[in-house]
Protein backbone atom coordinates (compact mmCIF):
# COMPACT_ATOMS: atom_id res chain seq x y z
CA MET A 1 107.71 -13.41 -97.02
CA SER A 2 103.94 -14.22 -96.39
CA ILE A 3 102.77 -17.78 -95.92
CA GLN A 4 99.38 -16.69 -97.12
CA THR A 5 98.11 -17.65 -100.73
CA GLU A 6 95.34 -15.75 -102.60
CA SER A 7 92.96 -18.35 -102.45
CA THR A 8 93.46 -18.35 -98.58
CA ALA A 9 92.98 -14.77 -98.95
CA ARG A 10 89.82 -15.25 -100.56
CA GLU A 11 88.43 -17.94 -98.18
CA TYR A 12 89.16 -15.53 -95.31
CA THR A 13 87.24 -12.74 -96.93
CA GLN A 14 84.13 -15.04 -97.47
CA THR A 15 83.87 -16.56 -94.27
CA ALA A 16 84.10 -13.51 -92.00
CA PRO A 17 87.52 -14.11 -90.13
CA ARG A 18 87.18 -14.61 -86.37
CA ALA A 19 88.89 -11.55 -84.54
CA GLY A 20 91.05 -11.00 -81.60
CA VAL A 21 92.72 -8.22 -79.69
CA ILE A 22 95.57 -8.39 -77.39
CA GLY A 23 95.93 -5.18 -75.05
CA LEU A 24 93.15 -3.11 -74.13
CA GLY A 25 94.39 0.33 -73.68
CA MET A 26 93.69 3.49 -75.56
CA ILE A 27 93.80 1.91 -78.99
CA GLY A 28 93.40 -1.75 -78.45
CA GLY A 29 90.33 -0.88 -76.23
CA ALA A 30 88.50 1.18 -78.86
CA VAL A 31 89.52 -1.32 -81.50
CA ALA A 32 87.63 -3.97 -79.64
CA VAL A 33 84.43 -1.78 -79.11
CA ASP A 34 84.34 -0.85 -82.95
CA LEU A 35 84.89 -4.64 -83.83
CA ALA A 36 82.04 -5.50 -81.40
CA ARG A 37 79.82 -2.70 -82.86
CA ASN A 38 80.18 -3.78 -86.15
CA GLY A 39 79.02 -7.53 -85.38
CA ARG A 40 82.58 -8.96 -84.95
CA THR A 41 82.81 -9.91 -81.86
CA PRO A 42 86.52 -10.13 -80.71
CA THR A 43 88.12 -12.69 -78.07
CA VAL A 44 90.15 -10.44 -75.86
CA TYR A 45 93.01 -10.73 -73.73
CA ASP A 46 94.66 -7.79 -71.38
CA ILE A 47 97.23 -8.48 -68.25
CA ARG A 48 94.33 -6.79 -66.22
CA PRO A 49 91.46 -9.30 -65.40
CA ASP A 50 88.84 -6.29 -65.61
CA ALA A 51 90.39 -4.25 -68.43
CA ALA A 52 86.96 -5.64 -70.90
CA ALA A 53 84.72 -3.91 -68.21
CA GLY A 54 83.26 -0.71 -69.45
CA LEU A 55 84.01 -1.81 -73.05
CA ALA A 56 80.54 -1.88 -74.74
CA GLY A 57 79.77 -5.07 -76.34
CA VAL A 58 83.10 -6.52 -75.59
CA PRO A 59 83.21 -9.82 -73.73
CA ALA A 60 85.19 -10.60 -70.17
CA ALA A 61 88.73 -11.28 -71.06
CA ALA A 62 90.40 -14.60 -72.10
CA ALA A 63 92.87 -16.38 -69.66
CA SER A 64 95.44 -16.14 -72.14
CA PRO A 65 96.99 -14.81 -75.36
CA ALA A 66 97.17 -18.29 -76.39
CA GLN A 67 93.04 -18.80 -76.16
CA VAL A 68 92.79 -15.57 -78.35
CA ALA A 69 94.96 -17.14 -81.10
CA ARG A 70 92.98 -20.72 -80.87
CA ASP A 71 89.66 -18.47 -81.61
CA SER A 72 90.66 -15.91 -83.82
CA ASP A 73 91.84 -15.90 -87.49
CA VAL A 74 92.94 -12.40 -87.26
CA VAL A 75 94.77 -11.40 -84.26
CA LEU A 76 95.35 -7.63 -83.36
CA LEU A 77 98.19 -6.95 -80.82
CA ALA A 78 97.80 -3.78 -79.28
CA VAL A 79 100.59 -3.70 -76.47
CA VAL A 80 102.92 -0.87 -75.57
CA ASP A 81 106.12 -1.85 -76.88
CA ALA A 82 108.57 -4.41 -78.44
CA ASP A 83 109.32 -6.31 -75.32
CA GLN A 84 105.64 -6.75 -74.64
CA ALA A 85 105.10 -8.21 -78.05
CA ARG A 86 107.78 -10.40 -77.69
CA GLN A 87 106.43 -11.54 -74.73
CA VAL A 88 103.07 -12.06 -75.92
CA LEU A 89 104.05 -13.90 -78.81
CA CYS A 90 106.60 -16.26 -77.21
CA ALA A 91 105.51 -17.02 -73.84
CA ASP A 92 104.51 -20.47 -72.75
CA ASP A 93 100.90 -19.20 -73.04
CA GLY A 94 101.68 -16.96 -75.82
CA VAL A 95 99.98 -16.41 -79.29
CA LEU A 96 102.62 -18.65 -81.01
CA SER A 97 102.01 -21.63 -78.72
CA ALA A 98 98.40 -21.99 -79.96
CA ALA A 99 99.05 -20.63 -83.36
CA HIS A 100 97.01 -22.48 -86.47
CA PRO A 101 97.21 -22.74 -89.93
CA GLY A 102 96.43 -19.62 -91.65
CA LEU A 103 96.61 -17.19 -88.37
CA ILE A 104 97.20 -13.66 -89.17
CA LEU A 105 98.87 -11.46 -86.50
CA VAL A 106 98.81 -7.55 -86.79
CA LEU A 107 100.75 -5.47 -84.81
CA LEU A 108 99.37 -2.04 -84.01
CA SER A 109 102.01 -1.11 -81.70
CA THR A 110 104.43 1.55 -82.53
CA VAL A 111 107.85 0.08 -82.66
CA ALA A 112 111.17 0.42 -84.82
CA VAL A 113 110.93 -1.25 -88.18
CA PRO A 114 113.73 -3.53 -87.51
CA VAL A 115 111.55 -4.88 -84.44
CA VAL A 116 108.72 -5.68 -87.40
CA HIS A 117 111.02 -7.73 -89.53
CA GLU A 118 112.38 -9.68 -86.43
CA LEU A 119 108.68 -10.44 -85.07
CA ALA A 120 107.86 -11.49 -88.63
CA GLN A 121 110.62 -13.88 -88.70
CA THR A 122 109.26 -15.20 -85.14
CA CYS A 123 106.11 -15.86 -86.62
CA ALA A 124 106.75 -17.22 -89.69
CA LYS A 125 108.58 -20.17 -87.73
CA LYS A 126 105.23 -21.00 -86.46
CA GLY A 127 103.38 -20.69 -89.86
CA VAL A 128 101.92 -17.33 -88.79
CA ALA A 129 101.62 -14.24 -91.09
CA LEU A 130 102.62 -10.88 -89.40
CA LEU A 131 101.26 -7.27 -90.64
CA ASP A 132 102.61 -4.01 -89.29
CA CYS A 133 99.83 -1.64 -88.68
CA GLY A 134 100.25 1.98 -87.14
CA VAL A 135 97.17 3.46 -85.90
CA THR A 136 96.51 7.07 -85.44
CA GLN A 137 93.12 9.01 -84.85
CA ALA A 138 91.18 10.51 -87.63
CA VAL A 139 89.27 13.89 -86.95
CA PRO A 140 86.38 14.10 -86.22
CA ASN A 141 86.00 10.37 -85.45
CA GLY A 142 87.41 6.90 -86.39
CA LEU A 143 90.49 5.08 -86.54
CA VAL A 144 93.16 5.20 -89.85
CA ALA A 145 95.08 1.85 -90.13
CA ILE A 146 98.48 2.28 -91.73
CA LEU A 147 99.25 -1.00 -93.21
CA GLY A 148 102.57 -2.80 -94.30
CA GLY A 149 102.52 -6.38 -95.77
CA ASP A 150 102.18 -8.49 -98.65
CA ASP A 151 98.75 -8.34 -101.13
CA ALA A 152 97.66 -11.37 -99.85
CA THR A 153 97.73 -11.14 -96.29
CA VAL A 154 96.20 -8.09 -96.42
CA ALA A 155 93.43 -9.40 -98.28
CA GLY A 156 92.96 -12.06 -95.57
CA ALA A 157 92.85 -9.43 -92.68
CA MET A 158 91.43 -6.81 -94.41
CA PRO A 159 87.54 -7.61 -93.24
CA VAL A 160 88.53 -7.08 -89.51
CA LEU A 161 90.38 -4.28 -90.30
CA SER A 162 87.47 -2.70 -92.25
CA ASP A 163 85.49 -3.19 -89.10
CA PHE A 164 87.65 -0.95 -86.87
CA ALA A 165 89.23 1.39 -89.42
CA LYS A 166 87.61 4.36 -90.93
CA ASP A 167 90.45 4.13 -93.33
CA VAL A 168 92.73 1.46 -94.39
CA VAL A 169 95.93 2.92 -96.30
CA HIS A 170 98.21 -0.05 -97.67
CA CYS A 171 101.45 1.75 -97.74
CA GLY A 172 103.58 -1.06 -98.93
CA PRO A 173 105.62 -4.51 -98.06
CA LEU A 174 106.41 -5.52 -94.14
CA GLY A 175 107.57 -2.27 -92.27
CA ALA A 176 106.01 0.45 -94.60
CA GLY A 177 103.39 0.65 -92.32
CA MET A 178 105.32 1.30 -89.19
CA ALA A 179 107.62 3.81 -91.47
CA THR A 180 104.76 5.63 -92.32
CA LYS A 181 103.31 5.80 -88.44
CA ILE A 182 106.88 7.02 -87.18
CA ALA A 183 106.92 9.83 -89.93
CA ARG A 184 103.47 10.73 -89.17
CA ASN A 185 104.70 10.99 -85.49
CA ILE A 186 107.65 13.10 -86.76
CA ILE A 187 105.33 15.88 -87.85
CA THR A 188 103.42 15.90 -84.84
CA TYR A 189 106.12 16.28 -82.26
CA GLY A 190 107.99 18.45 -84.62
CA THR A 191 104.98 20.65 -85.16
CA TRP A 192 104.15 20.66 -81.14
CA ARG A 193 107.74 21.67 -80.72
CA ALA A 194 107.50 24.40 -83.70
CA VAL A 195 104.18 25.72 -81.92
CA HIS A 196 105.86 25.72 -78.70
CA GLU A 197 108.75 27.99 -80.03
CA ALA A 198 106.68 30.34 -81.88
CA ALA A 199 104.35 30.79 -79.00
CA THR A 200 107.13 31.36 -76.50
CA VAL A 201 108.70 34.02 -78.80
CA VAL A 202 105.34 35.62 -79.37
CA GLU A 203 104.56 35.74 -75.63
CA SER A 204 108.21 37.20 -74.91
CA ALA A 205 106.90 40.05 -77.32
CA GLY A 206 103.84 40.63 -74.85
CA VAL A 207 101.14 39.03 -77.11
CA ASP A 208 98.78 36.33 -75.86
CA PRO A 209 99.65 33.11 -77.40
CA ALA A 210 95.87 32.56 -77.70
CA LYS A 211 95.93 35.22 -80.44
CA LEU A 212 98.36 33.02 -82.14
CA ILE A 213 96.18 30.35 -82.47
CA THR A 214 93.55 32.84 -83.75
CA VAL A 215 95.55 33.97 -86.42
CA VAL A 216 96.95 30.37 -87.63
CA GLU A 217 93.47 29.12 -87.76
CA ASP A 218 91.56 32.15 -89.50
CA ALA A 219 94.70 32.22 -92.21
CA ASP A 220 94.31 28.53 -92.75
CA PRO A 221 91.59 26.90 -91.45
CA GLY A 222 91.60 23.56 -93.69
CA GLY A 223 95.42 23.43 -92.48
CA THR A 224 96.78 22.98 -96.25
CA THR A 225 100.08 25.04 -95.55
CA LEU A 226 101.57 21.82 -93.58
CA PHE A 227 101.71 20.23 -96.72
CA SER A 228 101.91 22.66 -99.43
CA TRP A 229 105.49 22.66 -100.18
CA LEU A 230 105.75 18.47 -100.07
CA ARG A 231 102.93 18.91 -103.00
CA ASN A 232 105.09 20.77 -104.69
CA GLN A 233 107.89 18.56 -104.35
CA LEU A 234 106.04 15.71 -105.58
CA ALA A 235 104.77 17.50 -108.28
CA ALA A 236 107.94 18.70 -109.40
CA GLU A 237 106.88 21.01 -111.76
CA GLU A 238 109.44 23.20 -113.48
CA SER A 239 107.14 26.51 -112.15
CA THR A 240 107.77 25.59 -108.87
CA ARG A 241 111.41 24.93 -109.51
CA GLU A 242 111.65 28.53 -110.50
CA MET A 243 109.69 29.50 -107.31
CA VAL A 244 112.96 28.01 -105.31
CA PRO A 245 115.27 31.13 -105.11
CA GLN A 246 112.58 33.68 -104.11
CA VAL A 247 111.23 31.40 -101.35
CA ARG A 248 114.53 30.59 -100.16
CA ARG A 249 115.06 34.34 -99.61
CA LEU A 250 111.96 35.02 -97.74
CA MET A 251 112.34 31.69 -95.72
CA ASP A 252 116.00 32.85 -94.92
CA LYS A 253 114.55 36.72 -94.19
CA ASP A 254 111.61 35.63 -92.01
CA LEU A 255 113.48 33.05 -89.83
CA ALA A 256 116.54 35.46 -89.30
CA ALA A 257 113.97 37.50 -87.87
CA ALA A 258 112.72 34.88 -85.43
CA GLN A 259 116.22 34.19 -84.27
CA GLU A 260 116.72 38.07 -83.62
CA LEU A 261 113.53 38.34 -81.70
CA ALA A 262 114.25 35.26 -79.82
CA ALA A 263 117.86 36.29 -79.22
CA ARG A 264 116.68 39.65 -78.10
CA ASN A 265 114.41 37.74 -75.38
CA GLY A 266 116.66 35.19 -74.14
CA ILE A 267 114.91 32.25 -75.95
CA LEU A 268 115.90 29.37 -77.36
CA VAL A 269 114.81 28.17 -80.55
CA PRO A 270 116.59 25.15 -81.95
CA LEU A 271 113.80 24.16 -84.55
CA VAL A 272 114.08 27.72 -85.98
CA ASP A 273 117.77 27.58 -86.04
CA ALA A 274 117.71 23.86 -87.81
CA ALA A 275 114.88 25.36 -90.16
CA ARG A 276 116.94 28.29 -91.60
CA ALA A 277 120.31 26.22 -91.41
CA ASN A 278 118.64 23.73 -93.71
CA GLY A 279 116.63 25.78 -95.72
CA GLY A 280 117.91 24.83 -99.11
CA ALA A 281 117.69 21.15 -98.61
CA THR A 282 113.96 21.76 -97.31
CA LEU A 283 112.86 23.64 -100.94
CA THR A 284 114.66 21.40 -102.96
CA ILE A 285 112.56 20.06 -105.97
CA PRO A 286 113.51 16.86 -107.49
CA GLN A 287 114.07 16.63 -110.96
CA LYS A 288 111.20 14.44 -112.96
CA GLU A 289 112.58 10.96 -114.27
CA SER A 290 112.50 10.87 -118.11
CA HIS A 291 110.84 7.90 -119.29
CA GLU A 292 111.69 8.53 -123.02
């Protein structure tokens, strides 16, 4: 539950909230530079005293997370994991030791969803509102903020978020941003595994894996294939549902051929095996809800 009111959110929007960044690694450093570039020079902190050196427009690090909290209205937390987040929040010189009314904490670190709710409860005891905000790199440049939290708190943080993110996607209530970032990572790492298995199989057949890259990129330069079936499922059209048996036969046939080629060359392809075994569930098209 947010402690922010709509009037507080409007006040922040109108008064250009001060920003702070804790953790100046790959993500936090990029966020701090983008904030400075857009005229919202942040107060920053990192356990490495010289972490801000070389970050264009970013001032020297503050003495503690507490100082960042005192000098900020929106604090962006970009540490490595849950344990570091707890330490930054709860230490004697941590963020919560210097919390002031209206302070918003935006968690950029990727953690488990239950940890998001745990940290939010810890913050709420000190009158601090928390948003979960997975961050991913956009192509060709910029960051995408994947946000979870209530509307009023999101509005309070939005001026700061908009200064570093190319796009801010509000996915739903607290935890929704983190769940969406985790799901995006499933796609990333799962795709890497799929490409690994495909490249290993094609190389075992005497083909340079670079040829596979050429074929895939030439056939689908926009990458539309990746979400093609999910879009069909979301649309839930009857015409797509009628396609399922034929697509299922093609999927099973093609994955069986992949298993045969891999087996003949002594290659393990667990993702292919799982894709074939779960093909029916993968292709299921839900029934549209009736509103009559």
